[in-house]
Amino acid sequence: MTKSSPPVTLAEFELLVMVAALRLGADEAHAVSIAADISARTGRLVRRASVYMTLQRLEEKSLLTTALGEARPERGGKPRRLVTLTRDGVSAVRATMSAIHAMMRGVNI
């Protein structure tokens, strides 16, 4: 009998980045749009550098992948690096949200 490893859970900002990427979808999720989505929805100042570093860390953990999209005329022909969550990434979002919901049960705030 082998013990299965506990599900990966995410730190707060990692969770925000992952949820923003899910919301935006594979065709629109990139560092700038993710930062803007988090800022718009939370009111937090989000530095793009923080998003870039978090995306790199999450990609190293195999929780998401990035790939260059189509060239964009408004970017001088440069493509955006688009973000897609992996199956493990979606599982990590679910596990983290489950843990948060479990902790909130019975708490009145």
N, C-alpha and C. Protein backbone atom coordinates (compact mmCIF):
# COMPACT_ATOMS: atom_id res chain seq x y z
N MET A 1 0.85 -1.19 0.00
CA MET A 1 0.00 0.00 0.00
C MET A 1 0.89 1.25 0.00
N THR A 2 0.66 2.13 -0.94
CA THR A 2 1.46 3.35 -1.00
C THR A 2 0.59 4.54 -0.61
N LYS A 3 1.24 5.44 0.03
CA LYS A 3 0.54 6.68 0.39
C LYS A 3 0.60 7.63 -0.80
N SER A 4 -0.54 8.20 -1.12
CA SER A 4 -0.52 9.20 -2.18
C SER A 4 -0.06 10.52 -1.58
N SER A 5 0.65 11.27 -2.38
CA SER A 5 1.15 12.55 -1.88
C SER A 5 -0.02 13.52 -1.75
N PRO A 6 0.07 14.43 -0.77
CA PRO A 6 -1.01 15.39 -0.61
C PRO A 6 -1.09 16.30 -1.84
N PRO A 7 -2.29 16.79 -2.14
CA PRO A 7 -2.41 17.66 -3.32
C PRO A 7 -1.60 18.94 -3.13
N VAL A 8 -1.10 19.44 -4.23
CA VAL A 8 -0.36 20.70 -4.22
C VAL A 8 -1.34 21.81 -3.88
N THR A 9 -0.95 22.69 -2.97
CA THR A 9 -1.76 23.88 -2.71
C THR A 9 -0.92 25.10 -3.07
N LEU A 10 -1.60 26.18 -3.27
CA LEU A 10 -0.98 27.40 -3.79
C LEU A 10 -0.95 28.49 -2.73
N ALA A 11 0.08 29.32 -2.80
CA ALA A 11 0.14 30.53 -1.98
C ALA A 11 -0.90 31.51 -2.53
N GLU A 12 -1.22 32.53 -1.75
CA GLU A 12 -2.29 33.46 -2.14
C GLU A 12 -2.08 34.07 -3.52
N PHE A 13 -0.92 34.64 -3.77
CA PHE A 13 -0.72 35.30 -5.06
C PHE A 13 -0.69 34.29 -6.20
N GLU A 14 -0.12 33.11 -5.95
CA GLU A 14 -0.15 32.06 -6.97
C GLU A 14 -1.59 31.71 -7.34
N LEU A 15 -2.45 31.61 -6.32
CA LEU A 15 -3.87 31.31 -6.57
C LEU A 15 -4.51 32.41 -7.40
N LEU A 16 -4.26 33.66 -7.07
CA LEU A 16 -4.83 34.77 -7.84
C LEU A 16 -4.37 34.72 -9.30
N VAL A 17 -3.11 34.44 -9.52
CA VAL A 17 -2.58 34.35 -10.89
C VAL A 17 -3.24 33.21 -11.64
N MET A 18 -3.35 32.06 -11.00
CA MET A 18 -3.94 30.89 -11.65
C MET A 18 -5.42 31.12 -11.98
N VAL A 19 -6.17 31.70 -11.04
CA VAL A 19 -7.59 31.96 -11.28
C VAL A 19 -7.77 33.00 -12.39
N ALA A 20 -6.94 34.02 -12.39
CA ALA A 20 -7.01 35.02 -13.47
C ALA A 20 -6.73 34.36 -14.82
N ALA A 21 -5.75 33.49 -14.89
CA ALA A 21 -5.43 32.80 -16.14
C ALA A 21 -6.60 31.93 -16.59
N LEU A 22 -7.24 31.25 -15.65
CA LEU A 22 -8.42 30.45 -15.99
C LEU A 22 -9.54 31.33 -16.52
N ARG A 23 -9.79 32.45 -15.84
CA ARG A 23 -10.87 33.34 -16.23
C ARG A 23 -10.63 33.94 -17.62
N LEU A 24 -9.40 34.32 -17.89
CA LEU A 24 -9.07 34.97 -19.15
C LEU A 24 -9.05 33.98 -20.32
N GLY A 25 -8.70 32.75 -20.06
CA GLY A 25 -8.65 31.74 -21.10
C GLY A 25 -7.32 31.73 -21.84
N ALA A 26 -7.06 30.63 -22.52
CA ALA A 26 -5.77 30.39 -23.16
C ALA A 26 -5.41 31.42 -24.23
N ASP A 27 -6.40 32.07 -24.84
CA ASP A 27 -6.11 33.04 -25.90
C ASP A 27 -5.82 34.44 -25.38
N GLU A 28 -6.16 34.72 -24.13
CA GLU A 28 -5.99 36.06 -23.58
C GLU A 28 -5.16 36.13 -22.30
N ALA A 29 -4.81 34.99 -21.72
CA ALA A 29 -4.07 35.00 -20.47
C ALA A 29 -2.57 35.18 -20.74
N HIS A 30 -2.07 36.34 -20.38
CA HIS A 30 -0.64 36.65 -20.45
C HIS A 30 -0.34 37.57 -19.27
N ALA A 31 0.91 37.80 -18.99
CA ALA A 31 1.30 38.51 -17.76
C ALA A 31 0.57 39.84 -17.58
N VAL A 32 0.49 40.64 -18.63
CA VAL A 32 -0.12 41.97 -18.51
C VAL A 32 -1.62 41.85 -18.22
N SER A 33 -2.31 40.97 -18.95
CA SER A 33 -3.75 40.82 -18.72
C SER A 33 -4.05 40.19 -17.37
N ILE A 34 -3.19 39.28 -16.93
CA ILE A 34 -3.36 38.67 -15.60
C ILE A 34 -3.20 39.73 -14.52
N ALA A 35 -2.16 40.56 -14.62
CA ALA A 35 -1.95 41.63 -13.64
C ALA A 35 -3.15 42.59 -13.62
N ALA A 36 -3.65 42.95 -14.80
CA ALA A 36 -4.79 43.87 -14.89
C ALA A 36 -6.04 43.24 -14.28
N ASP A 37 -6.27 41.96 -14.53
CA ASP A 37 -7.45 41.27 -14.00
C ASP A 37 -7.40 41.23 -12.47
N ILE A 38 -6.25 40.89 -11.93
CA ILE A 38 -6.11 40.84 -10.46
C ILE A 38 -6.34 42.23 -9.87
N SER A 39 -5.73 43.23 -10.47
CA SER A 39 -5.90 44.61 -9.97
C SER A 39 -7.35 45.05 -10.02
N ALA A 40 -8.02 44.77 -11.14
CA ALA A 40 -9.41 45.20 -11.31
C ALA A 40 -10.33 44.52 -10.31
N ARG A 41 -10.08 43.25 -10.03
CA ARG A 41 -10.99 42.49 -9.18
C ARG A 41 -10.68 42.61 -7.70
N THR A 42 -9.43 42.88 -7.35
CA THR A 42 -9.06 42.94 -5.93
C THR A 42 -8.74 44.34 -5.44
N GLY A 43 -8.48 45.27 -6.36
CA GLY A 43 -8.09 46.62 -5.97
C GLY A 43 -6.63 46.70 -5.54
N ARG A 44 -5.90 45.61 -5.69
CA ARG A 44 -4.48 45.59 -5.31
C ARG A 44 -3.61 46.13 -6.44
N LEU A 45 -2.53 46.79 -6.04
CA LEU A 45 -1.51 47.16 -7.01
C LEU A 45 -0.72 45.89 -7.32
N VAL A 46 -0.68 45.51 -8.59
CA VAL A 46 0.01 44.28 -8.99
C VAL A 46 1.13 44.66 -9.95
N ARG A 47 2.33 44.36 -9.58
CA ARG A 47 3.47 44.63 -10.44
C ARG A 47 3.63 43.50 -11.44
N ARG A 48 3.83 43.87 -12.70
CA ARG A 48 4.00 42.85 -13.74
C ARG A 48 5.17 41.94 -13.42
N ALA A 49 6.23 42.50 -12.84
CA ALA A 49 7.40 41.67 -12.50
C ALA A 49 7.00 40.55 -11.54
N SER A 50 6.10 40.84 -10.61
CA SER A 50 5.63 39.81 -9.67
C SER A 50 4.87 38.72 -10.41
N VAL A 51 4.08 39.12 -11.40
CA VAL A 51 3.34 38.13 -12.20
C VAL A 51 4.32 37.29 -13.01
N TYR A 52 5.30 37.93 -13.65
CA TYR A 52 6.29 37.19 -14.44
C TYR A 52 7.02 36.17 -13.56
N MET A 53 7.46 36.58 -12.38
CA MET A 53 8.18 35.67 -11.49
C MET A 53 7.28 34.52 -11.04
N THR A 54 6.03 34.83 -10.73
CA THR A 54 5.10 33.80 -10.29
C THR A 54 4.80 32.82 -11.42
N LEU A 55 4.60 33.32 -12.63
CA LEU A 55 4.37 32.45 -13.78
C LEU A 55 5.56 31.51 -14.00
N GLN A 56 6.76 32.05 -13.87
CA GLN A 56 7.96 31.22 -14.05
C GLN A 56 8.01 30.12 -12.99
N ARG A 57 7.73 30.47 -11.74
CA ARG A 57 7.75 29.49 -10.65
C ARG A 57 6.68 28.41 -10.87
N LEU A 58 5.48 28.82 -11.28
CA LEU A 58 4.40 27.86 -11.52
C LEU A 58 4.70 26.96 -12.72
N GLU A 59 5.37 27.51 -13.72
CA GLU A 59 5.75 26.69 -14.87
C GLU A 59 6.82 25.68 -14.46
N GLU A 60 7.74 26.08 -13.62
CA GLU A 60 8.77 25.15 -13.12
C GLU A 60 8.14 24.01 -12.32
N LYS A 61 7.01 24.29 -11.66
CA LYS A 61 6.29 23.27 -10.89
C LYS A 61 5.35 22.45 -11.78
N SER A 62 5.34 22.73 -13.08
CA SER A 62 4.47 22.06 -14.07
C SER A 62 2.99 22.28 -13.80
N LEU A 63 2.64 23.44 -13.24
CA LEU A 63 1.25 23.77 -12.98
C LEU A 63 0.64 24.58 -14.11
N LEU A 64 1.49 25.10 -14.99
CA LEU A 64 1.02 25.80 -16.17
C LEU A 64 2.10 25.72 -17.24
N THR A 65 1.70 26.03 -18.45
CA THR A 65 2.65 26.13 -19.55
C THR A 65 2.50 27.50 -20.19
N THR A 66 3.55 27.94 -20.85
CA THR A 66 3.49 29.19 -21.60
C THR A 66 3.97 28.91 -23.02
N ALA A 67 3.42 29.65 -23.95
CA ALA A 67 3.81 29.52 -25.35
C ALA A 67 3.59 30.86 -26.03
N LEU A 68 4.39 31.14 -27.03
CA LEU A 68 4.23 32.38 -27.77
C LEU A 68 2.98 32.31 -28.63
N GLY A 69 2.18 33.39 -28.56
CA GLY A 69 0.98 33.49 -29.39
C GLY A 69 1.33 34.10 -30.74
N GLU A 70 0.31 34.55 -31.42
CA GLU A 70 0.49 35.18 -32.73
C GLU A 70 1.13 36.56 -32.56
N ALA A 71 1.85 37.00 -33.60
CA ALA A 71 2.42 38.35 -33.60
C ALA A 71 1.28 39.36 -33.52
N ARG A 72 1.51 40.43 -32.77
CA ARG A 72 0.47 41.44 -32.55
C ARG A 72 0.93 42.78 -33.12
N PRO A 73 0.19 43.37 -34.06
CA PRO A 73 0.60 44.66 -34.63
C PRO A 73 0.72 45.76 -33.57
N GLU A 74 -0.18 45.74 -32.55
CA GLU A 74 -0.11 46.77 -31.52
C GLU A 74 1.11 46.61 -30.61
N ARG A 75 1.78 45.47 -30.73
CA ARG A 75 3.00 45.23 -29.96
C ARG A 75 4.23 45.30 -30.86
N GLY A 76 4.08 45.96 -32.00
CA GLY A 76 5.21 46.07 -32.92
C GLY A 76 5.57 44.73 -33.55
N GLY A 77 4.58 43.86 -33.68
CA GLY A 77 4.82 42.55 -34.28
C GLY A 77 5.29 41.49 -33.31
N LYS A 78 5.44 41.87 -32.04
CA LYS A 78 5.92 40.89 -31.05
C LYS A 78 4.73 40.08 -30.52
N PRO A 79 4.92 38.77 -30.36
CA PRO A 79 3.85 37.94 -29.80
C PRO A 79 3.82 38.03 -28.28
N ARG A 80 2.66 37.72 -27.73
CA ARG A 80 2.53 37.63 -26.27
C ARG A 80 2.83 36.20 -25.85
N ARG A 81 3.31 36.04 -24.61
CA ARG A 81 3.52 34.70 -24.06
C ARG A 81 2.24 34.32 -23.33
N LEU A 82 1.49 33.39 -23.91
CA LEU A 82 0.19 32.99 -23.39
C LEU A 82 0.31 31.87 -22.36
N VAL A 83 -0.59 31.87 -21.41
CA VAL A 83 -0.56 30.96 -20.27
C VAL A 83 -1.72 29.98 -20.34
N THR A 84 -1.41 28.70 -20.12
CA THR A 84 -2.43 27.66 -20.05
C THR A 84 -2.15 26.80 -18.82
N LEU A 85 -3.17 26.58 -18.01
CA LEU A 85 -3.00 25.72 -16.84
C LEU A 85 -2.94 24.26 -17.28
N THR A 86 -2.10 23.49 -16.61
CA THR A 86 -2.04 22.06 -16.84
C THR A 86 -3.11 21.37 -15.99
N ARG A 87 -3.29 20.09 -16.19
CA ARG A 87 -4.23 19.33 -15.37
C ARG A 87 -3.84 19.44 -13.89
N ASP A 88 -2.53 19.35 -13.60
CA ASP A 88 -2.06 19.49 -12.22
C ASP A 88 -2.32 20.89 -11.68
N GLY A 89 -2.24 21.89 -12.55
CA GLY A 89 -2.53 23.26 -12.14
C GLY A 89 -3.98 23.44 -11.75
N VAL A 90 -4.88 22.89 -12.54
CA VAL A 90 -6.31 22.97 -12.22
C VAL A 90 -6.57 22.23 -10.91
N SER A 91 -5.93 21.08 -10.72
CA SER A 91 -6.08 20.33 -9.47
C SER A 91 -5.58 21.14 -8.27
N ALA A 92 -4.49 21.87 -8.46
CA ALA A 92 -3.94 22.69 -7.38
C ALA A 92 -4.90 23.82 -7.01
N VAL A 93 -5.54 24.43 -8.01
CA VAL A 93 -6.54 25.47 -7.74
C VAL A 93 -7.69 24.87 -6.95
N ARG A 94 -8.18 23.72 -7.40
CA ARG A 94 -9.29 23.06 -6.69
C ARG A 94 -8.91 22.70 -5.25
N ALA A 95 -7.72 22.14 -5.06
CA ALA A 95 -7.28 21.74 -3.72
C ALA A 95 -7.15 22.95 -2.80
N THR A 96 -6.60 24.03 -3.33
CA THR A 96 -6.44 25.25 -2.53
C THR A 96 -7.79 25.84 -2.15
N MET A 97 -8.70 25.91 -3.11
CA MET A 97 -10.03 26.46 -2.83
C MET A 97 -10.78 25.56 -1.85
N SER A 98 -10.64 24.24 -1.97
CA SER A 98 -11.28 23.32 -1.02
C SER A 98 -10.77 23.54 0.39
N ALA A 99 -9.46 23.73 0.52
CA ALA A 99 -8.87 23.98 1.83
C ALA A 99 -9.39 25.29 2.42
N ILE A 100 -9.49 26.32 1.60
CA ILE A 100 -10.01 27.61 2.07
C ILE A 100 -11.46 27.47 2.50
N HIS A 101 -12.27 26.81 1.69
CA HIS A 101 -13.69 26.62 2.05
C HIS A 101 -13.82 25.80 3.33
N ALA A 102 -13.00 24.77 3.48
CA ALA A 102 -13.05 23.94 4.70
C ALA A 102 -12.70 24.77 5.93
N MET A 103 -11.72 25.63 5.81
CA MET A 103 -11.31 26.46 6.94
C MET A 103 -12.36 27.50 7.28
N MET A 104 -13.14 27.93 6.30
CA MET A 104 -14.14 28.97 6.54
C MET A 104 -15.44 28.42 7.13
N ARG A 105 -15.66 27.11 7.01
CA ARG A 105 -16.90 26.54 7.56
C ARG A 105 -17.00 26.85 9.05
N GLY A 106 -18.10 27.43 9.43
CA GLY A 106 -18.35 27.74 10.83
C GLY A 106 -17.78 29.06 11.28
N VAL A 107 -17.13 29.78 10.39
CA VAL A 107 -16.56 31.08 10.75
C VAL A 107 -17.50 32.17 10.26
N ASN A 108 -17.88 33.05 11.16
CA ASN A 108 -18.73 34.17 10.79
C ASN A 108 -17.88 35.44 10.78
N ILE A 109 -17.77 36.02 9.62
CA ILE A 109 -16.99 37.27 9.52
C ILE A 109 -17.83 38.35 8.89
